[in-house]
Amino acid sequence: MVWAGPGPIPSVGCVLIRDGRVVGRGVTAQGGRPHAETQALIQAGEAARGATAYVTLEPCAHHGQTPPCCDALIAAGVARVVVALEDPDPRTSGSGIEMLRKAGIGVDVGVLDDAARDQQAGFLSRVVRGRPLVTLKVAASLDGRTAAHSGDSKWITGEPARRFGHLLRVSHDAIMVGSGTALADDPSLTCRLPGLETASPTRIVVDSGLRLATNSNLAKTARDVPTWVVCGEACDTSRRKALEDVGAEVMEVRRGPDGRLVLDAVLSGLGEQGVTRLLVEGGAALATGLLREELVDRLAWFAAPMMIGEEGLASVAGLGIEKVSDAARWRVMARRSWQDDNLVMLSALR
């Protein structure tokens, strides 16, 4: 079976400037074609000759569905190209820059590279590490609880913070939960912001034993929103067929010695399907496993002004930390507040 995953082609921007005036601009089109450079050159026409092209990522140098962007820039007669990031894709990696320079075009590399690297973090992760950039989202009380001891969690945060959580969903290729969360909450995992209802990401359930019911919200809507279920090798064929019959895709990955799915293999499988940015929304077992294996790159921590107590459900289980100095440190990327709720966006320090 071949999965039709999210497109792996990065979203790139290109601006053409001549005599201090913008003569063309473009961005990678939906589905990855045409490329930003092509669109900017078409818009500029003859004004592209002698212009400077500013691009997010090194122009491609290989033949794919379209000819190389380097050829288009050379043919258009641009005088200079300013590249923020060199493309790590081995099909281009430096060869695009070399082609431009051999054609007599001046090339500068590394301008605003930090901003571009942050923008392209998902693409870079998939190409360099073979897996998507992983963001773990947690909505918890001040004492780190995500629900009362009964399992009730509606609602930890207020509506403004929840709306931002939906915005996080559409900024990722896929959203992932563990089977425990899928069974307990029966979520839809869609974006319900006005105007963005059709932009919901692919939904993924890590379900080693294929426990997801065919009458669950996720399974019932699998033909409307792509839904993938990740299970262990040699999973129950009847359960697999039942899920596939309602439109879900099933992927098998290897198990570790403890019988659990190897999470690094799960992420590698998603990377092979083109997933570049993955949002993980629960539950505690999945979050803990990813944190233990240092597979979380960013953390979106929503804190609500309440105390639930130790009998509540913890956001993270034991990490096996003996000393405070052994605990992972995170860098604060951004902060945001709505009424009394607070969000801290953090990046792993590795």
Protein backbone atom coordinates (compact mmCIF):
# COMPACT_ATOMS: atom_id res chain seq x y z
CA MET A 1 0.00 0.00 0.00
CA VAL A 2 1.23 3.50 -0.85
CA TRP A 3 0.10 6.24 1.46
CA ALA A 4 -0.89 9.63 0.08
CA GLY A 5 0.74 11.69 2.81
CA PRO A 6 1.18 15.46 3.10
CA GLY A 7 3.48 16.95 0.50
CA PRO A 8 7.15 16.92 1.48
CA ILE A 9 8.02 19.94 -0.67
CA PRO A 10 8.97 22.97 1.46
CA SER A 11 7.11 26.25 1.19
CA VAL A 12 9.62 28.71 -0.26
CA GLY A 13 9.37 32.43 -0.99
CA CYS A 14 11.07 34.40 -3.76
CA VAL A 15 11.20 38.15 -4.34
CA LEU A 16 12.81 39.81 -7.39
CA ILE A 17 14.10 43.35 -6.96
CA ARG A 18 15.44 45.62 -9.69
CA ASP A 19 16.44 49.26 -9.27
CA GLY A 20 15.03 49.28 -5.74
CA ARG A 21 11.60 48.09 -6.85
CA VAL A 22 9.88 44.73 -6.40
CA VAL A 23 9.24 43.40 -9.90
CA GLY A 24 8.14 39.87 -9.02
CA ARG A 25 7.26 37.69 -6.10
CA GLY A 26 6.18 34.11 -5.65
CA VAL A 27 5.57 31.36 -3.11
CA THR A 28 5.48 27.61 -3.55
CA ALA A 29 2.01 26.75 -4.81
CA GLN A 30 -0.37 24.34 -3.12
CA GLY A 31 0.87 20.82 -3.81
CA GLY A 32 4.43 22.04 -4.43
CA ARG A 33 4.14 23.21 -8.05
CA PRO A 34 4.99 25.64 -9.47
CA HIS A 35 7.94 26.72 -7.36
CA ALA A 36 8.32 30.21 -5.94
CA GLU A 37 11.09 31.21 -8.36
CA THR A 38 8.99 30.23 -11.38
CA GLN A 39 6.05 32.31 -10.22
CA ALA A 40 8.21 35.33 -9.42
CA LEU A 41 9.91 35.17 -12.83
CA ILE A 42 6.58 34.93 -14.67
CA GLN A 43 5.32 37.95 -12.78
CA ALA A 44 8.47 39.96 -13.48
CA GLY A 45 8.76 39.13 -17.17
CA GLU A 46 11.58 41.08 -18.86
CA ALA A 47 12.10 43.09 -15.67
CA ALA A 48 13.82 40.02 -14.18
CA ARG A 49 16.90 40.68 -16.33
CA GLY A 50 19.54 42.27 -14.11
CA ALA A 51 17.41 41.83 -10.98
CA THR A 52 18.37 40.36 -7.61
CA ALA A 53 16.45 37.29 -6.47
CA TYR A 54 15.96 36.77 -2.74
CA VAL A 55 14.98 33.16 -1.92
CA THR A 56 14.30 31.28 1.31
CA LEU A 57 15.99 28.09 0.15
CA GLU A 58 18.67 27.29 -2.41
CA PRO A 59 17.04 27.03 -5.87
CA CYS A 60 16.63 23.42 -6.95
CA ALA A 61 19.14 22.00 -9.42
CA HIS A 62 17.50 18.67 -10.27
CA HIS A 63 14.87 17.64 -12.77
CA GLY A 64 11.63 16.56 -11.12
CA GLN A 65 8.07 17.33 -12.14
CA THR A 66 9.41 20.66 -13.40
CA PRO A 67 12.81 21.83 -14.74
CA PRO A 68 15.37 23.16 -12.20
CA CYS A 69 14.72 26.65 -10.85
CA CYS A 70 18.43 27.38 -11.36
CA ASP A 71 17.94 27.00 -15.11
CA ALA A 72 14.98 29.38 -15.01
CA LEU A 73 16.91 32.03 -13.08
CA ILE A 74 19.88 31.76 -15.45
CA ALA A 75 17.68 31.95 -18.54
CA ALA A 76 15.87 35.00 -17.12
CA GLY A 77 19.19 36.85 -16.77
CA VAL A 78 19.09 37.67 -13.06
CA ALA A 79 22.29 39.31 -11.88
CA ARG A 80 22.40 38.13 -8.28
CA VAL A 81 20.75 35.56 -6.02
CA VAL A 82 20.57 35.91 -2.22
CA VAL A 83 19.94 32.56 -0.52
CA ALA A 84 18.94 32.25 3.13
CA LEU A 85 19.58 28.50 3.46
CA GLU A 86 21.47 25.89 1.50
CA ASP A 87 19.15 22.99 0.64
CA PRO A 88 20.18 19.80 2.52
CA ASP A 89 18.34 17.64 -0.03
CA PRO A 90 21.16 15.61 -1.66
CA ARG A 91 19.62 16.22 -5.09
CA THR A 92 20.48 19.91 -4.75
CA SER A 93 22.70 20.46 -1.69
CA GLY A 94 25.12 23.12 -2.95
CA SER A 95 24.84 22.19 -6.62
CA GLY A 96 22.21 24.88 -7.22
CA ILE A 97 24.52 27.55 -5.87
CA GLU A 98 27.39 26.15 -7.95
CA MET A 99 25.28 26.22 -11.14
CA LEU A 100 24.36 29.85 -10.60
CA ARG A 101 27.96 30.90 -9.94
CA LYS A 102 29.23 29.02 -13.00
CA ALA A 103 26.71 31.00 -15.05
CA GLY A 104 28.29 34.24 -13.80
CA ILE A 105 25.55 35.08 -11.31
CA GLY A 106 26.62 36.50 -7.94
CA VAL A 107 25.37 34.38 -5.02
CA ASP A 108 25.24 35.28 -1.33
CA VAL A 109 24.33 32.56 1.18
CA GLY A 110 23.25 32.79 4.82
CA VAL A 111 21.29 36.05 4.87
CA LEU A 112 18.66 35.81 7.65
CA ASP A 113 19.46 32.11 7.91
CA ASP A 114 18.24 31.80 11.52
CA ALA A 115 14.76 33.02 10.59
CA ALA A 116 14.71 30.80 7.52
CA ARG A 117 15.91 27.79 9.52
CA ASP A 118 13.05 28.27 11.98
CA GLN A 119 10.56 28.62 9.12
CA GLN A 120 11.87 25.49 7.40
CA ALA A 121 12.41 23.48 10.60
CA GLY A 122 9.99 20.73 9.61
CA PHE A 123 11.46 20.25 6.14
CA LEU A 124 15.00 20.29 7.52
CA SER A 125 14.10 17.71 10.17
CA ARG A 126 12.59 15.33 7.62
CA VAL A 127 15.52 15.60 5.20
CA VAL A 128 18.37 15.57 7.74
CA ARG A 129 16.95 13.29 10.48
CA GLY A 130 14.39 11.33 8.48
CA ARG A 131 11.53 12.29 10.79
CA PRO A 132 9.18 15.22 11.29
CA LEU A 133 9.68 18.09 13.72
CA VAL A 134 7.70 17.06 16.81
CA THR A 135 5.74 19.56 18.89
CA LEU A 136 4.13 18.28 22.09
CA LYS A 137 1.06 20.22 23.18
CA VAL A 138 -0.02 20.07 26.83
CA ALA A 139 -2.95 21.88 28.48
CA ALA A 140 -2.57 21.49 32.24
CA SER A 141 -3.39 22.97 35.62
CA LEU A 142 -0.71 24.80 37.59
CA ASP A 143 0.22 21.49 39.22
CA GLY A 144 0.60 19.72 35.87
CA ARG A 145 -2.70 17.82 35.78
CA THR A 146 -4.64 17.37 32.55
CA ALA A 147 -7.85 16.00 34.06
CA ALA A 148 -9.59 15.18 37.32
CA HIS A 149 -9.24 11.65 38.73
CA SER A 150 -12.53 10.75 36.99
CA GLY A 151 -10.99 11.60 33.63
CA ASP A 152 -13.03 14.79 33.20
CA SER A 153 -10.98 17.43 31.37
CA LYS A 154 -13.56 19.89 29.99
CA TRP A 155 -12.25 22.40 30.10
CA ILE A 156 -8.76 22.96 31.52
CA THR A 157 -8.22 26.14 29.50
CA GLY A 158 -10.66 28.80 28.32
CA GLU A 159 -12.06 29.27 24.84
CA PRO A 160 -9.43 31.77 23.56
CA ALA A 161 -6.59 29.37 24.42
CA ARG A 162 -8.49 26.48 22.83
CA ARG A 163 -8.94 28.47 19.64
CA PHE A 164 -5.19 28.98 19.49
CA GLY A 165 -4.79 25.24 19.94
CA HIS A 166 -6.89 24.75 16.81
CA LEU A 167 -4.64 27.22 14.99
CA LEU A 168 -1.67 25.06 16.01
CA ARG A 169 -3.37 22.11 14.35
CA VAL A 170 -3.56 23.72 10.92
CA SER A 171 0.09 24.79 11.13
CA HIS A 172 1.13 21.11 11.20
CA ASP A 173 0.96 18.33 8.60
CA ALA A 174 -0.39 15.83 11.10
CA ILE A 175 -1.74 15.53 14.63
CA MET A 176 -1.08 12.44 16.75
CA VAL A 177 -2.62 10.91 19.87
CA GLY A 178 -2.21 7.64 21.71
CA SER A 179 -4.90 4.98 21.71
CA GLY A 180 -5.76 5.71 25.35
CA THR A 181 -6.71 9.28 24.50
CA ALA A 182 -8.60 8.16 21.40
CA LEU A 183 -10.62 5.66 23.45
CA ALA A 184 -11.24 7.86 26.48
CA ASP A 185 -12.07 11.14 24.72
CA ASP A 186 -13.35 9.94 21.31
CA PRO A 187 -11.92 13.14 19.75
CA SER A 188 -12.42 14.49 16.24
CA LEU A 189 -8.96 16.15 16.06
CA THR A 190 -10.15 18.59 13.41
CA CYS A 191 -9.79 22.34 13.14
CA ARG A 192 -13.05 24.07 13.97
CA LEU A 193 -12.00 27.66 13.37
CA PRO A 194 -14.34 29.50 10.96
CA GLY A 195 -12.93 29.33 7.44
CA LEU A 196 -10.33 26.68 8.30
CA GLU A 197 -12.58 23.66 8.67
CA THR A 198 -11.18 22.08 5.50
CA ALA A 199 -7.56 22.64 6.59
CA SER A 200 -7.53 19.92 9.26
CA PRO A 201 -4.26 17.96 9.31
CA THR A 202 -3.88 14.21 8.89
CA ARG A 203 -4.95 12.44 12.10
CA ILE A 204 -2.73 9.70 13.51
CA VAL A 205 -3.48 7.25 16.32
CA VAL A 206 -0.65 5.24 17.87
CA ASP A 207 -2.61 2.07 18.56
CA SER A 208 -0.36 -0.97 19.01
CA GLY A 209 -3.27 -3.38 19.40
CA LEU A 210 -5.71 -1.77 16.94
CA ARG A 211 -8.22 -0.97 19.68
CA LEU A 212 -9.75 1.98 17.83
CA ALA A 213 -13.44 1.26 17.26
CA THR A 214 -14.92 1.58 13.79
CA ASN A 215 -17.78 3.66 15.25
CA SER A 216 -15.40 6.18 16.85
CA ASN A 217 -15.41 9.77 15.61
CA LEU A 218 -12.00 9.28 14.02
CA ALA A 219 -12.97 6.13 12.13
CA LYS A 220 -16.40 7.39 11.07
CA THR A 221 -14.86 10.47 9.45
CA ALA A 222 -11.76 8.77 7.98
CA ARG A 223 -13.01 9.28 4.42
CA ASP A 224 -13.41 13.02 5.07
CA VAL A 225 -10.14 13.70 6.93
CA PRO A 226 -7.08 11.46 6.35
CA THR A 227 -6.76 9.12 9.33
CA TRP A 228 -3.79 6.83 9.94
CA VAL A 229 -3.54 4.12 12.60
CA VAL A 230 -0.07 2.93 13.61
CA CYS A 231 0.06 -0.58 15.04
CA GLY A 232 2.60 -3.30 15.79
CA GLU A 233 3.87 -5.83 13.30
CA ALA A 234 1.60 -8.77 12.49
CA CYS A 235 -1.43 -6.99 13.88
CA ASP A 236 -4.90 -8.54 13.89
CA THR A 237 -5.90 -8.84 10.23
CA SER A 238 -9.63 -8.63 10.90
CA ARG A 239 -9.24 -5.46 12.96
CA ARG A 240 -6.99 -4.00 10.29
CA LYS A 241 -9.47 -4.78 7.51
CA ALA A 242 -12.34 -3.28 9.52
CA LEU A 243 -10.48 0.01 9.90
CA GLU A 244 -9.36 0.05 6.28
CA ASP A 245 -12.93 -0.63 5.18
CA VAL A 246 -14.09 2.63 6.80
CA GLY A 247 -11.28 4.59 5.11
CA ALA A 248 -8.44 4.56 7.64
CA GLU A 249 -4.87 3.77 6.61
CA VAL A 250 -2.96 1.27 8.78
CA MET A 251 0.82 1.22 9.17
CA GLU A 252 2.78 -1.47 10.97
CA VAL A 253 6.02 -0.69 12.80
CA ARG A 254 8.30 -2.86 14.89
CA ARG A 255 7.95 -3.38 18.61
CA GLY A 256 10.69 -3.08 21.18
CA PRO A 257 11.68 -5.76 23.74
CA ASP A 258 8.98 -4.43 26.08
CA GLY A 259 6.29 -5.01 23.47
CA ARG A 260 5.69 -1.30 22.92
CA LEU A 261 5.96 0.34 19.53
CA VAL A 262 9.38 1.81 18.82
CA LEU A 263 8.54 5.51 18.70
CA ASP A 264 11.58 6.41 16.64
CA ALA A 265 10.36 3.91 14.03
CA VAL A 266 6.89 5.50 14.16
CA LEU A 267 8.38 8.92 13.43
CA SER A 268 10.66 7.56 10.72
CA GLY A 269 7.65 5.99 9.04
CA LEU A 270 5.82 9.30 9.12
CA GLY A 271 8.87 11.03 7.66
CA GLU A 272 8.88 8.55 4.78
CA GLN A 273 5.29 9.57 4.06
CA GLY A 274 6.27 13.23 3.80
CA VAL A 275 5.16 14.47 7.22
CA THR A 276 7.37 17.42 8.18
CA ARG A 277 5.60 18.88 11.23
CA LEU A 278 3.82 16.68 13.77
CA LEU A 279 1.66 17.95 16.65
CA VAL A 280 1.24 15.50 19.53
CA GLU A 281 -1.80 16.13 21.73
CA GLY A 282 -1.73 13.22 24.19
CA GLY A 283 -1.97 11.30 26.25
CA ALA A 284 0.51 11.00 29.07
CA ALA A 285 1.93 7.62 28.00
CA LEU A 286 2.74 8.83 24.48
CA ALA A 287 4.09 12.15 25.75
CA THR A 288 6.28 10.40 28.30
CA GLY A 289 7.66 7.96 25.76
CA LEU A 290 8.60 10.73 23.36
CA LEU A 291 10.19 12.80 26.12
CA ARG A 292 12.18 9.85 27.46
CA GLU A 293 13.64 9.18 24.04
CA GLU A 294 14.33 12.89 23.42
CA LEU A 295 12.05 12.91 20.38
CA VAL A 296 10.20 16.11 21.29
CA ASP A 297 11.63 19.19 19.58
CA ARG A 298 9.16 21.82 20.76
CA LEU A 299 6.75 22.08 23.64
CA ALA A 300 3.52 24.10 23.66
CA TRP A 301 2.62 24.31 27.36
CA PHE A 302 -0.79 25.80 28.14
CA ALA A 303 -1.17 26.56 31.86
CA ALA A 304 -4.58 27.20 33.39
CA PRO A 305 -5.04 29.03 36.75
CA MET A 306 -6.31 26.05 38.75
CA MET A 307 -5.06 23.32 41.07
CA ILE A 308 -6.41 19.79 40.68
CA GLY A 309 -4.26 17.84 43.12
CA GLU A 310 -2.24 14.65 43.04
CA GLU A 311 -5.29 12.46 42.39
CA GLY A 312 -5.73 14.15 39.03
CA LEU A 313 -4.24 12.71 35.82
CA ALA A 314 -0.63 13.79 35.34
CA SER A 315 0.45 15.36 32.05
CA VAL A 316 3.68 13.31 32.08
CA ALA A 317 4.49 10.02 33.81
CA GLY A 318 7.84 9.09 35.33
CA LEU A 319 10.93 10.03 33.35
CA GLY A 320 13.41 8.18 35.55
CA ILE A 321 15.25 11.34 36.59
CA GLU A 322 17.44 10.83 39.68
CA LYS A 323 18.86 14.35 39.96
CA VAL A 324 17.51 17.76 38.98
CA SER A 325 20.64 18.31 36.92
CA ASP A 326 19.62 15.34 34.75
CA ALA A 327 16.35 16.99 33.70
CA ALA A 328 16.18 18.29 30.14
CA ARG A 329 16.31 22.07 29.75
CA TRP A 330 14.16 24.01 27.31
CA ARG A 331 14.59 27.41 25.67
CA VAL A 332 11.63 29.78 25.74
CA MET A 333 10.68 30.75 22.19
CA ALA A 334 7.52 32.77 22.84
CA ARG A 335 4.90 33.55 25.46
CA ARG A 336 1.22 34.37 25.08
CA SER A 337 -1.70 35.02 27.41
CA TRP A 338 -5.50 34.98 27.10
CA GLN A 339 -7.47 36.20 30.08
CA ASP A 340 -5.94 34.02 32.82
CA ASP A 341 -4.51 31.23 30.64
CA ASN A 342 -0.86 31.29 29.61
CA LEU A 343 1.11 29.62 26.83
CA VAL A 344 4.85 29.09 26.76
CA MET A 345 6.40 27.81 23.53
CA LEU A 346 9.71 26.09 24.18
CA SER A 347 12.45 24.49 22.12
CA ALA A 348 14.55 21.54 23.25
CA LEU A 349 18.17 22.29 24.04
CA ARG A 350 20.25 19.52 22.46
